[in-house]
Amino acid sequence: MAGADSRHDYRQAQEAWVTGHTGSSTAVALAHSLLVVVLSAVVARLAAASLDRRQAGTYTRHLGLELVLSAGPMWLALCWPEWNATALAALGALGLALLADNAGAVFGRPTPEADAARLQALNHPRKLALSHLRAGLLLSTCIAILAVDYAIFPRSFAKTENYGISVMDAGVGCFVFIGAVSSARWARLDQEHDAPAGVPLARRLGDLLRAVWSAWPLLLLGFGRLLAVRSTGYQEHASEYGRHWNFFFTLGAVPALVTLATAVCRPGRFVWLLAGLLPVWQWLLTGSPGPAAELAITGGLPAPEWVPWVVGQNREGLVSLAGYLAMALAGARAAVALFTPRPSVAAWRRVALDLLGASALCWAGYFLLSEVLGLDPSRRVANPAYALWIVAAMLLAVGALLLAETVLPAPGGSTAGGPLARALTRNQLALFLAANVSTGLVNLTTRTLDASPAVGRLAMLAYTAWLLGLAVLLDRGLDVTLRWW
């Protein structure tokens, strides 16, 4: 009986450990998430260019470079954050040295052959900038979901309870945005609207059915996670998404909602849909009287009695779908720009600058809501301030990486990125599932809260090595792509 009480007390301690946090500043959240991803990707690309120019670029060397220059800084940022500033400074210094080493290719007048190779890479269906960003976000998210259970992970990095921004809050929204911006079908759908007959109704219904069908693995994982949590007594944070809802359900539902939005507006004009959605969403959250504001739980109030118990117990997950839809719509609009072929490198450079300009507008909107109007961001309900924060940060990251690709030498290998980036993005869902299962096993078999900093970092090092090893094994060793649809 004492053992059962002890397990119950420890579970309560685990739930308390991830509850009630208010986050950090915008600068800290960016410095320990997207800034590390973008800077390490650019430095790794410069290092790869130096190797290729000397004809010394073997698979093992490129993999080693990515492990040191990409995976290493991400691990430090989350598992040893005291060293993040030093790591960023070292990356910056190394980047400047590598930039000088590649000065001729970067700053010199490109030869017709080099310019053609760069344009071919930019027009390729596999976008190198997106591959690096997807790989970095996947790895940092997988590290964070276990690191948060150790004392080495600052509480200000954990998901916020009601309002605020944190490193893990950024990861949730970024996953939704990157899923939308990485899909070429939004550009295809937008181009079909230019046809004289437009998009036939049957085609639209077919796209919607395919979007719903493609979501079944995520929905299955969502139900699997729900059953696993309930059957093992695993700790759960009910105010995060609700009693039964989890992030797999959100990831599965959002693409179908974006496809449904194409019946109202072509993807190239989603910005106008967003201009209408965000103000209405903000009004429903804070300006409408009665149960609408209560259902949005902005004040932490219980659901009204008229709301069915399933909806009431999962109101966070259901209500936040509107905000995640806004992020996905913005990502789909950016995908139209990214997957439309361009006639020159200069044209691609203008696309990158347009993305950076759109990011600046979103930052202005975010600061207007949060600093002037006092509407703090909330991941819990994915309010407009949170949505604008995510979109601004992601457009900044995509624009910066795309701009780098317009000046860096064309990649000598795959347009899916280096060996590590290619391995991580090739089986992204399988690796994310492996990370979730591994996190659950670690928490069920060890007392992570009682681990010393040294033990926690060793455990995180082993866990990260296991995930990276699995990614490389599936890609290089077995040459398999795990898909379920």
Protein backbone atom coordinates (compact mmCIF):
# COMPACT_ATOMS: atom_id res chain seq x y z
CA MET A 1 0.00 0.00 0.00
CA ALA A 2 2.89 2.30 0.78
CA GLY A 3 4.24 1.63 -2.71
CA ALA A 4 0.93 2.59 -4.27
CA ASP A 5 0.81 5.78 -2.21
CA SER A 6 4.35 6.54 -3.26
CA ARG A 7 3.49 6.07 -6.95
CA HIS A 8 0.41 8.27 -6.54
CA ASP A 9 2.43 11.00 -4.84
CA TYR A 10 5.08 10.86 -7.53
CA ARG A 11 2.48 11.13 -10.29
CA GLN A 12 1.03 14.18 -8.58
CA ALA A 13 4.54 15.64 -8.37
CA GLN A 14 5.01 15.01 -12.10
CA GLU A 15 1.75 16.75 -12.95
CA ALA A 16 2.65 19.68 -10.70
CA TRP A 17 6.06 19.87 -12.41
CA VAL A 18 4.48 20.75 -15.77
CA THR A 19 1.63 22.88 -14.43
CA GLY A 20 1.22 26.58 -13.74
CA HIS A 21 4.06 28.02 -15.82
CA THR A 22 4.06 31.51 -17.32
CA GLY A 23 6.81 31.14 -19.93
CA SER A 24 9.67 33.44 -20.82
CA SER A 25 10.33 36.45 -23.02
CA THR A 26 9.96 36.35 -26.78
CA ALA A 27 13.72 36.73 -27.20
CA VAL A 28 14.51 33.76 -24.93
CA ALA A 29 11.92 31.53 -26.60
CA LEU A 30 13.34 32.35 -30.04
CA ALA A 31 16.99 32.03 -28.94
CA HIS A 32 16.46 28.50 -27.66
CA SER A 33 14.32 27.29 -30.56
CA LEU A 34 14.18 28.73 -34.07
CA LEU A 35 17.37 30.83 -33.83
CA VAL A 36 19.40 27.71 -33.06
CA VAL A 37 17.73 25.79 -35.89
CA VAL A 38 18.29 28.51 -38.50
CA LEU A 39 21.84 29.45 -37.51
CA SER A 40 23.02 25.84 -37.25
CA ALA A 41 21.45 25.02 -40.65
CA VAL A 42 23.25 27.92 -42.36
CA VAL A 43 26.60 27.11 -40.73
CA ALA A 44 26.26 23.43 -41.61
CA ARG A 45 25.51 24.38 -45.24
CA LEU A 46 28.61 26.59 -45.37
CA ALA A 47 30.74 23.81 -43.89
CA ALA A 48 29.35 21.34 -46.44
CA ALA A 49 30.15 23.80 -49.24
CA SER A 50 33.75 24.05 -48.02
CA LEU A 51 34.05 20.26 -48.02
CA ASP A 52 32.51 19.90 -51.47
CA ARG A 53 34.75 22.56 -52.93
CA ARG A 54 37.78 20.59 -51.75
CA GLN A 55 36.19 17.35 -53.02
CA ALA A 56 36.42 15.95 -49.51
CA GLY A 57 32.71 15.58 -48.84
CA THR A 58 32.01 11.97 -47.97
CA TYR A 59 28.76 10.77 -46.36
CA THR A 60 30.48 10.18 -43.02
CA ARG A 61 32.05 13.63 -42.96
CA HIS A 62 28.81 15.38 -43.87
CA LEU A 63 26.97 13.38 -41.22
CA GLY A 64 29.60 14.25 -38.63
CA LEU A 65 29.34 17.93 -39.53
CA GLU A 66 25.58 17.93 -39.03
CA LEU A 67 25.83 16.07 -35.73
CA VAL A 68 28.30 18.64 -34.38
CA LEU A 69 26.93 21.81 -35.99
CA SER A 70 23.18 21.10 -35.99
CA ALA A 71 22.23 18.39 -33.47
CA GLY A 72 24.81 19.48 -30.90
CA PRO A 73 23.64 23.11 -30.53
CA MET A 74 19.98 22.03 -30.37
CA TRP A 75 20.79 19.57 -27.59
CA LEU A 76 22.74 22.22 -25.66
CA ALA A 77 19.97 24.80 -26.06
CA LEU A 78 17.46 22.51 -24.33
CA CYS A 79 19.51 20.25 -22.06
CA TRP A 80 22.27 22.64 -20.99
CA PRO A 81 20.74 26.07 -21.65
CA GLU A 82 23.43 27.89 -19.66
CA TRP A 83 25.75 27.20 -22.59
CA ASN A 84 23.32 28.29 -25.32
CA ALA A 85 24.69 31.84 -25.62
CA THR A 86 28.23 30.47 -25.87
CA ALA A 87 27.16 27.93 -28.48
CA LEU A 88 25.38 30.59 -30.54
CA ALA A 89 28.44 32.86 -30.36
CA ALA A 90 30.69 29.99 -31.42
CA LEU A 91 28.34 29.13 -34.29
CA GLY A 92 28.31 32.75 -35.38
CA ALA A 93 32.11 32.99 -35.32
CA LEU A 94 32.46 29.72 -37.21
CA GLY A 95 29.87 30.90 -39.71
CA LEU A 96 31.85 34.08 -40.40
CA ALA A 97 35.03 32.03 -40.90
CA LEU A 98 33.26 29.67 -43.29
CA LEU A 99 31.70 32.63 -45.08
CA ALA A 100 35.17 34.01 -45.68
CA ASP A 101 36.28 30.59 -46.91
CA ASN A 102 33.39 30.56 -49.40
CA ALA A 103 33.62 34.29 -50.22
CA GLY A 104 34.23 33.71 -53.90
CA ALA A 105 31.12 31.57 -54.34
CA VAL A 106 28.93 33.75 -52.10
CA PHE A 107 29.98 37.29 -52.99
CA GLY A 108 31.59 36.85 -56.39
CA ARG A 109 29.82 37.04 -59.71
CA PRO A 110 28.42 33.55 -60.32
CA THR A 111 29.27 31.67 -63.47
CA PRO A 112 26.32 30.70 -65.71
CA GLU A 113 26.77 27.09 -64.60
CA ALA A 114 26.73 27.99 -60.89
CA ASP A 115 23.71 30.26 -61.34
CA ALA A 116 21.85 27.54 -63.25
CA ALA A 117 22.65 24.98 -60.53
CA ARG A 118 21.43 27.34 -57.82
CA LEU A 119 18.19 28.07 -59.72
CA GLN A 120 17.61 24.36 -60.31
CA ALA A 121 17.94 23.70 -56.58
CA LEU A 122 15.57 26.56 -55.73
CA ASN A 123 12.94 25.36 -58.23
CA HIS A 124 13.24 21.72 -57.12
CA PRO A 125 10.07 20.29 -55.51
CA ARG A 126 12.13 19.45 -52.43
CA LYS A 127 12.90 22.78 -50.82
CA LEU A 128 16.25 22.71 -49.05
CA ALA A 129 15.25 25.53 -46.68
CA LEU A 130 12.14 23.61 -45.58
CA SER A 131 14.08 20.35 -45.20
CA HIS A 132 16.52 21.96 -42.76
CA LEU A 133 13.69 23.63 -40.86
CA ARG A 134 11.58 20.46 -40.64
CA ALA A 135 14.55 18.42 -39.45
CA GLY A 136 15.52 20.99 -36.84
CA LEU A 137 11.99 21.37 -35.50
CA LEU A 138 11.51 17.61 -35.29
CA LEU A 139 14.76 17.06 -33.41
CA SER A 140 14.26 19.95 -30.99
CA THR A 141 10.67 18.85 -30.30
CA CYS A 142 11.72 15.26 -29.66
CA ILE A 143 14.42 16.44 -27.26
CA ALA A 144 12.08 18.82 -25.42
CA ILE A 145 9.27 16.31 -24.76
CA LEU A 146 11.58 14.24 -22.55
CA ALA A 147 13.89 16.98 -21.27
CA VAL A 148 10.90 18.78 -19.73
CA ASP A 149 10.60 15.92 -17.21
CA TYR A 150 14.13 16.51 -15.87
CA ALA A 151 15.33 19.27 -13.56
CA ILE A 152 17.87 20.35 -16.20
CA PHE A 153 15.02 21.83 -18.26
CA PRO A 154 14.13 25.36 -17.08
CA ARG A 155 10.52 25.73 -16.00
CA SER A 156 10.25 28.87 -18.11
CA PHE A 157 10.77 26.65 -21.19
CA ALA A 158 7.78 24.40 -20.35
CA LYS A 159 4.32 24.95 -21.82
CA THR A 160 2.46 27.85 -20.27
CA GLU A 161 -0.70 27.28 -18.30
CA ASN A 162 -2.91 30.08 -19.62
CA TYR A 163 -0.94 32.99 -21.07
CA GLY A 164 2.62 33.63 -22.19
CA ILE A 165 5.19 32.24 -24.60
CA SER A 166 7.76 29.53 -24.02
CA VAL A 167 10.11 27.30 -25.99
CA MET A 168 7.65 24.39 -25.93
CA ASP A 169 4.75 26.67 -26.84
CA ALA A 170 6.71 27.64 -29.93
CA GLY A 171 7.22 24.00 -30.90
CA VAL A 172 3.50 23.20 -30.92
CA GLY A 173 2.54 25.99 -33.31
CA CYS A 174 5.63 25.60 -35.49
CA PHE A 175 4.70 21.97 -36.15
CA VAL A 176 1.32 23.04 -37.52
CA PHE A 177 2.83 25.78 -39.70
CA ILE A 178 5.63 23.63 -41.12
CA GLY A 179 3.14 20.90 -42.02
CA ALA A 180 1.20 23.36 -44.18
CA VAL A 181 4.13 25.24 -45.73
CA SER A 182 5.82 21.97 -46.77
CA SER A 183 2.91 20.84 -48.97
CA ALA A 184 3.10 21.62 -52.69
CA ARG A 185 -0.60 20.88 -53.21
CA TRP A 186 -1.60 24.37 -52.08
CA ALA A 187 0.32 25.85 -55.02
CA ARG A 188 -1.31 23.31 -57.35
CA LEU A 189 -4.78 24.14 -56.06
CA ASP A 190 -4.10 27.85 -56.46
CA GLN A 191 -2.95 27.39 -60.07
CA GLU A 192 -6.05 25.34 -60.88
CA HIS A 193 -8.19 28.32 -59.92
CA ASP A 194 -6.71 30.16 -62.91
CA ALA A 195 -8.21 27.62 -65.32
CA PRO A 196 -11.25 28.90 -67.29
CA ALA A 197 -13.56 26.41 -65.60
CA GLY A 198 -11.97 26.84 -62.18
CA VAL A 199 -11.75 23.80 -59.89
CA PRO A 200 -14.57 21.30 -60.49
CA LEU A 201 -16.73 20.44 -57.49
CA ALA A 202 -15.83 16.76 -57.80
CA ARG A 203 -12.13 17.67 -57.62
CA ARG A 204 -12.70 19.75 -54.48
CA LEU A 205 -14.62 16.94 -52.81
CA GLY A 206 -11.87 14.50 -53.79
CA ASP A 207 -9.20 16.76 -52.24
CA LEU A 208 -11.23 16.99 -49.04
CA LEU A 209 -11.71 13.23 -48.84
CA ARG A 210 -7.99 12.66 -49.44
CA ALA A 211 -7.14 15.15 -46.69
CA VAL A 212 -9.48 13.38 -44.27
CA TRP A 213 -8.15 9.96 -45.28
CA SER A 214 -4.51 11.03 -44.92
CA ALA A 215 -5.25 12.07 -41.33
CA TRP A 216 -6.15 8.57 -40.16
CA PRO A 217 -2.64 7.63 -38.95
CA LEU A 218 -2.55 10.74 -36.76
CA LEU A 219 -6.05 10.08 -35.44
CA LEU A 220 -5.08 6.47 -34.73
CA LEU A 221 -2.00 7.67 -32.86
CA GLY A 222 -4.19 10.08 -30.93
CA PHE A 223 -6.51 7.28 -29.78
CA GLY A 224 -3.50 5.07 -29.09
CA ARG A 225 -1.94 7.73 -26.89
CA LEU A 226 -5.23 8.22 -25.06
CA LEU A 227 -5.56 4.50 -24.34
CA ALA A 228 -1.91 4.20 -23.31
CA VAL A 229 -2.16 7.11 -20.89
CA ARG A 230 -5.34 5.80 -19.30
CA SER A 231 -4.19 2.17 -19.05
CA THR A 232 -0.77 2.92 -17.53
CA GLY A 233 -1.77 5.73 -15.18
CA TYR A 234 0.67 8.03 -16.97
CA GLN A 235 0.62 11.64 -15.79
CA GLU A 236 -1.54 13.98 -17.86
CA HIS A 237 -2.02 17.72 -17.96
CA ALA A 238 -5.77 18.05 -18.53
CA SER A 239 -5.72 21.82 -19.08
CA GLU A 240 -3.31 21.43 -22.01
CA TYR A 241 -5.77 20.00 -24.56
CA GLY A 242 -8.54 18.54 -22.40
CA ARG A 243 -9.32 15.19 -20.84
CA HIS A 244 -9.27 13.12 -24.06
CA TRP A 245 -7.89 15.39 -26.77
CA ASN A 246 -4.18 15.45 -27.61
CA PHE A 247 -1.93 17.06 -30.19
CA PHE A 248 -2.19 14.14 -32.63
CA PHE A 249 -5.90 14.94 -33.04
CA THR A 250 -5.05 18.57 -33.77
CA LEU A 251 -2.42 17.61 -36.35
CA GLY A 252 -4.93 15.33 -38.04
CA ALA A 253 -7.83 17.78 -38.08
CA VAL A 254 -6.09 20.95 -39.29
CA PRO A 255 -5.17 19.84 -42.87
CA ALA A 256 -8.78 18.81 -43.52
CA LEU A 257 -9.97 22.22 -42.28
CA VAL A 258 -7.50 24.00 -44.59
CA THR A 259 -8.72 21.92 -47.54
CA LEU A 260 -12.29 22.86 -46.61
CA ALA A 261 -11.21 26.52 -46.64
CA THR A 262 -10.20 26.19 -50.31
CA ALA A 263 -13.91 25.90 -51.14
CA VAL A 264 -14.28 29.48 -49.88
CA CYS A 265 -11.02 31.02 -51.00
CA ARG A 266 -8.11 30.03 -53.27
CA PRO A 267 -4.87 29.41 -51.30
CA GLY A 268 -3.16 32.41 -52.88
CA ARG A 269 -5.73 34.66 -51.21
CA PHE A 270 -5.75 33.01 -47.79
CA VAL A 271 -4.34 36.25 -46.39
CA TRP A 272 -7.79 37.83 -46.86
CA LEU A 273 -9.41 34.88 -45.12
CA LEU A 274 -6.98 35.38 -42.25
CA ALA A 275 -7.76 39.09 -42.13
CA GLY A 276 -11.38 38.15 -41.44
CA LEU A 277 -10.78 35.11 -39.23
CA LEU A 278 -8.42 36.62 -36.64
CA PRO A 279 -10.56 39.62 -35.61
CA VAL A 280 -13.68 37.46 -35.39
CA TRP A 281 -11.75 34.87 -33.37
CA GLN A 282 -10.48 37.53 -30.97
CA TRP A 283 -14.01 38.89 -30.55
CA LEU A 284 -15.36 35.42 -29.76
CA LEU A 285 -12.62 34.92 -27.18
CA THR A 286 -12.82 38.20 -25.31
CA GLY A 287 -15.52 40.46 -26.70
CA SER A 288 -18.60 38.27 -26.92
CA PRO A 289 -20.93 38.07 -23.93
CA GLY A 290 -22.02 34.88 -22.29
CA PRO A 291 -20.99 31.27 -22.90
CA ALA A 292 -18.73 31.85 -25.93
CA ALA A 293 -16.08 33.52 -23.79
CA GLU A 294 -16.55 30.87 -21.07
CA LEU A 295 -16.13 28.06 -23.56
CA ALA A 296 -12.88 29.67 -24.70
CA ILE A 297 -11.70 29.33 -21.05
CA THR A 298 -9.81 32.59 -21.29
CA GLY A 299 -10.76 33.20 -17.70
CA GLY A 300 -10.29 29.60 -16.63
CA LEU A 301 -14.02 29.14 -16.16
CA PRO A 302 -15.74 25.76 -16.40
CA ALA A 303 -17.72 24.90 -19.50
CA PRO A 304 -21.42 25.94 -19.44
CA GLU A 305 -23.97 23.30 -18.49
CA TRP A 306 -25.48 23.27 -22.00
CA VAL A 307 -22.21 22.06 -23.52
CA PRO A 308 -22.06 18.24 -24.00
CA TRP A 309 -19.65 16.61 -21.55
CA VAL A 310 -17.30 15.42 -24.33
CA VAL A 311 -17.01 18.96 -25.68
CA GLY A 312 -16.79 20.48 -22.22
CA GLN A 313 -13.99 18.15 -21.10
CA ASN A 314 -12.00 18.78 -24.30
CA ARG A 315 -12.78 22.44 -24.87
CA GLU A 316 -9.11 23.47 -24.94
CA GLY A 317 -8.31 21.16 -27.83
CA LEU A 318 -11.49 21.96 -29.75
CA VAL A 319 -11.46 25.72 -29.19
CA SER A 320 -7.79 26.03 -30.13
CA LEU A 321 -8.47 24.52 -33.56
CA ALA A 322 -9.44 27.97 -34.85
CA GLY A 323 -6.04 29.39 -33.97
CA TYR A 324 -4.15 26.44 -35.40
CA LEU A 325 -6.25 26.74 -38.55
CA ALA A 326 -5.07 30.36 -38.86
CA MET A 327 -1.43 29.24 -38.60
CA ALA A 328 -1.98 26.53 -41.21
CA LEU A 329 -3.70 28.97 -43.57
CA ALA A 330 -0.69 31.27 -43.32
CA GLY A 331 1.60 28.31 -43.97
CA ALA A 332 -0.45 27.27 -47.01
CA ARG A 333 -0.25 30.81 -48.40
CA ALA A 334 3.52 30.77 -47.97
CA ALA A 335 3.62 27.38 -49.71
CA VAL A 336 2.01 28.95 -52.80
CA ALA A 337 4.97 31.33 -53.03
CA LEU A 338 7.56 28.63 -52.31
CA PHE A 339 6.27 25.98 -54.73
CA THR A 340 5.67 28.28 -57.70
CA PRO A 341 8.68 28.01 -60.08
CA ARG A 342 10.65 31.22 -60.67
CA PRO A 343 12.64 32.27 -63.75
CA SER A 344 15.75 33.46 -61.91
CA VAL A 345 17.64 33.46 -58.63
CA ALA A 346 16.84 37.16 -58.29
CA ALA A 347 13.13 36.31 -58.40
CA TRP A 348 13.63 33.82 -55.58
CA ARG A 349 15.49 36.47 -53.62
CA ARG A 350 12.41 38.69 -53.92
CA VAL A 351 10.26 35.85 -52.59
CA ALA A 352 12.54 35.56 -49.57
CA LEU A 353 12.34 39.31 -48.95
CA ASP A 354 8.55 39.18 -49.30
CA LEU A 355 8.42 36.48 -46.63
CA LEU A 356 10.62 38.57 -44.35
CA GLY A 357 8.38 41.58 -44.97
CA ALA A 358 5.29 39.52 -44.11
CA SER A 359 7.06 38.39 -40.95
CA ALA A 360 7.67 42.03 -39.98
CA LEU A 361 3.96 42.81 -40.43
CA CYS A 362 3.01 39.83 -38.25
CA TRP A 363 5.49 40.92 -35.57
CA ALA A 364 3.89 44.37 -35.65
CA GLY A 365 0.45 42.79 -35.23
CA TYR A 366 1.68 40.62 -32.38
CA PHE A 367 3.19 43.55 -30.46
CA LEU A 368 0.05 45.62 -31.09
CA LEU A 369 -2.11 42.91 -29.51
CA SER A 370 0.21 41.95 -26.66
CA GLU A 371 1.90 45.22 -25.73
CA VAL A 372 -0.60 47.92 -26.72
CA LEU A 373 -3.95 46.18 -26.26
CA GLY A 374 -2.81 43.89 -23.46
CA LEU A 375 -4.03 40.69 -25.18
CA ASP A 376 -1.34 38.25 -24.12
CA PRO A 377 -0.64 35.16 -26.26
CA SER A 378 -2.24 31.93 -25.13
CA ARG A 379 -1.28 28.54 -26.52
CA ARG A 380 -4.10 27.02 -24.50
CA VAL A 381 -6.73 28.59 -26.78
CA ALA A 382 -4.38 29.53 -29.66
CA ASN A 383 -5.61 33.11 -29.65
CA PRO A 384 -4.67 35.61 -32.40
CA ALA A 385 -1.65 36.92 -30.46
CA TYR A 386 -0.24 33.39 -30.23
CA ALA A 387 -1.06 32.67 -33.88
CA LEU A 388 0.66 35.87 -35.02
CA TRP A 389 3.71 35.05 -32.88
CA ILE A 390 4.06 31.63 -34.50
CA VAL A 391 3.47 32.89 -38.05
CA ALA A 392 5.90 35.80 -37.58
CA ALA A 393 8.63 33.52 -36.22
CA MET A 394 8.15 30.86 -38.89
CA LEU A 395 8.05 33.33 -41.78
CA LEU A 396 11.24 34.85 -40.40
CA ALA A 397 12.90 31.42 -40.29
CA VAL A 398 11.70 30.34 -43.75
CA GLY A 399 12.57 33.71 -45.28
CA ALA A 400 16.06 33.74 -43.74
CA LEU A 401 16.84 30.18 -44.87
CA LEU A 402 15.49 30.84 -48.37
CA LEU A 403 17.53 34.04 -48.63
CA ALA A 404 20.62 32.07 -47.60
CA GLU A 405 19.90 29.53 -50.34
CA THR A 406 19.89 32.30 -52.96
CA VAL A 407 23.48 33.25 -52.12
CA LEU A 408 25.05 29.99 -50.94
CA PRO A 409 26.56 27.55 -53.46
CA ALA A 410 24.10 24.99 -54.80
CA PRO A 411 24.14 21.79 -52.73
CA GLY A 412 26.37 19.10 -54.13
CA GLY A 413 24.13 16.31 -52.89
CA SER A 414 20.43 15.80 -52.28
CA THR A 415 18.03 18.73 -52.19
CA ALA A 416 16.50 17.04 -49.14
CA GLY A 417 19.46 18.41 -47.16
CA GLY A 418 22.50 16.78 -45.61
CA PRO A 419 22.53 13.17 -44.42
CA LEU A 420 21.06 13.95 -41.01
CA ALA A 421 18.37 16.33 -42.28
CA ARG A 422 17.40 13.82 -44.96
CA ALA A 423 17.21 10.99 -42.41
CA LEU A 424 15.06 13.00 -40.00
CA THR A 425 12.57 14.25 -42.60
CA ARG A 426 12.27 10.96 -44.47
CA ASN A 427 10.49 9.17 -41.60
CA GLN A 428 9.27 12.14 -39.61
CA LEU A 429 6.07 10.67 -38.21
CA ALA A 430 7.71 7.37 -37.30
CA LEU A 431 10.51 9.15 -35.45
CA PHE A 432 8.04 11.39 -33.61
CA LEU A 433 6.12 8.28 -32.56
CA ALA A 434 9.35 6.61 -31.43
CA ALA A 435 10.19 9.71 -29.38
CA ASN A 436 6.76 9.68 -27.70
CA VAL A 437 6.99 5.96 -26.90
CA SER A 438 10.54 6.35 -25.58
CA THR A 439 9.51 9.29 -23.42
CA GLY A 440 6.67 7.26 -21.94
CA LEU A 441 8.93 4.28 -21.20
CA VAL A 442 11.53 6.46 -19.51
CA ASN A 443 8.91 8.11 -17.31
CA LEU A 444 7.28 4.80 -16.41
CA THR A 445 10.55 3.08 -15.49
CA THR A 446 12.58 5.87 -13.87
CA ARG A 447 12.01 8.81 -11.54
CA THR A 448 13.14 11.62 -13.78
CA LEU A 449 12.38 14.32 -11.21
CA ASP A 450 14.82 12.75 -8.76
CA ALA A 451 17.67 12.55 -11.27
CA SER A 452 20.71 14.75 -10.70
CA PRO A 453 21.72 17.18 -13.47
CA ALA A 454 24.55 14.87 -14.53
CA VAL A 455 22.27 11.83 -14.73
CA GLY A 456 19.61 13.85 -16.55
CA ARG A 457 22.05 15.04 -19.21
CA LEU A 458 23.49 11.54 -19.68
CA ALA A 459 19.96 10.18 -20.10
CA MET A 460 19.13 12.90 -22.62
CA LEU A 461 22.36 12.24 -24.50
CA ALA A 462 21.55 8.53 -24.75
CA TYR A 463 17.95 9.26 -25.78
CA THR A 464 19.02 11.74 -28.47
CA ALA A 465 21.67 9.34 -29.78
CA TRP A 466 19.02 6.58 -29.97
CA LEU A 467 16.66 8.75 -32.04
CA LEU A 468 19.39 9.98 -34.37
CA GLY A 469 20.74 6.44 -34.75
CA LEU A 470 17.25 5.18 -35.60
CA ALA A 471 16.81 7.93 -38.20
CA VAL A 472 20.13 7.13 -39.89
CA LEU A 473 19.46 3.38 -39.71
CA LEU A 474 16.09 3.71 -41.46
CA ASP A 475 17.49 6.05 -44.11
CA ARG A 476 21.01 4.78 -44.79
CA GLY A 477 21.04 1.29 -43.36
CA LEU A 478 17.63 -0.04 -44.39
CA ASP A 479 16.71 2.56 -47.04
CA VAL A 480 13.03 2.47 -46.06
CA THR A 481 10.32 5.11 -45.86
CA LEU A 482 7.67 4.24 -43.28
CA ARG A 483 4.27 5.45 -44.41
CA TRP A 484 0.81 4.25 -43.51
CA TRP A 485 -1.25 5.94 -46.22
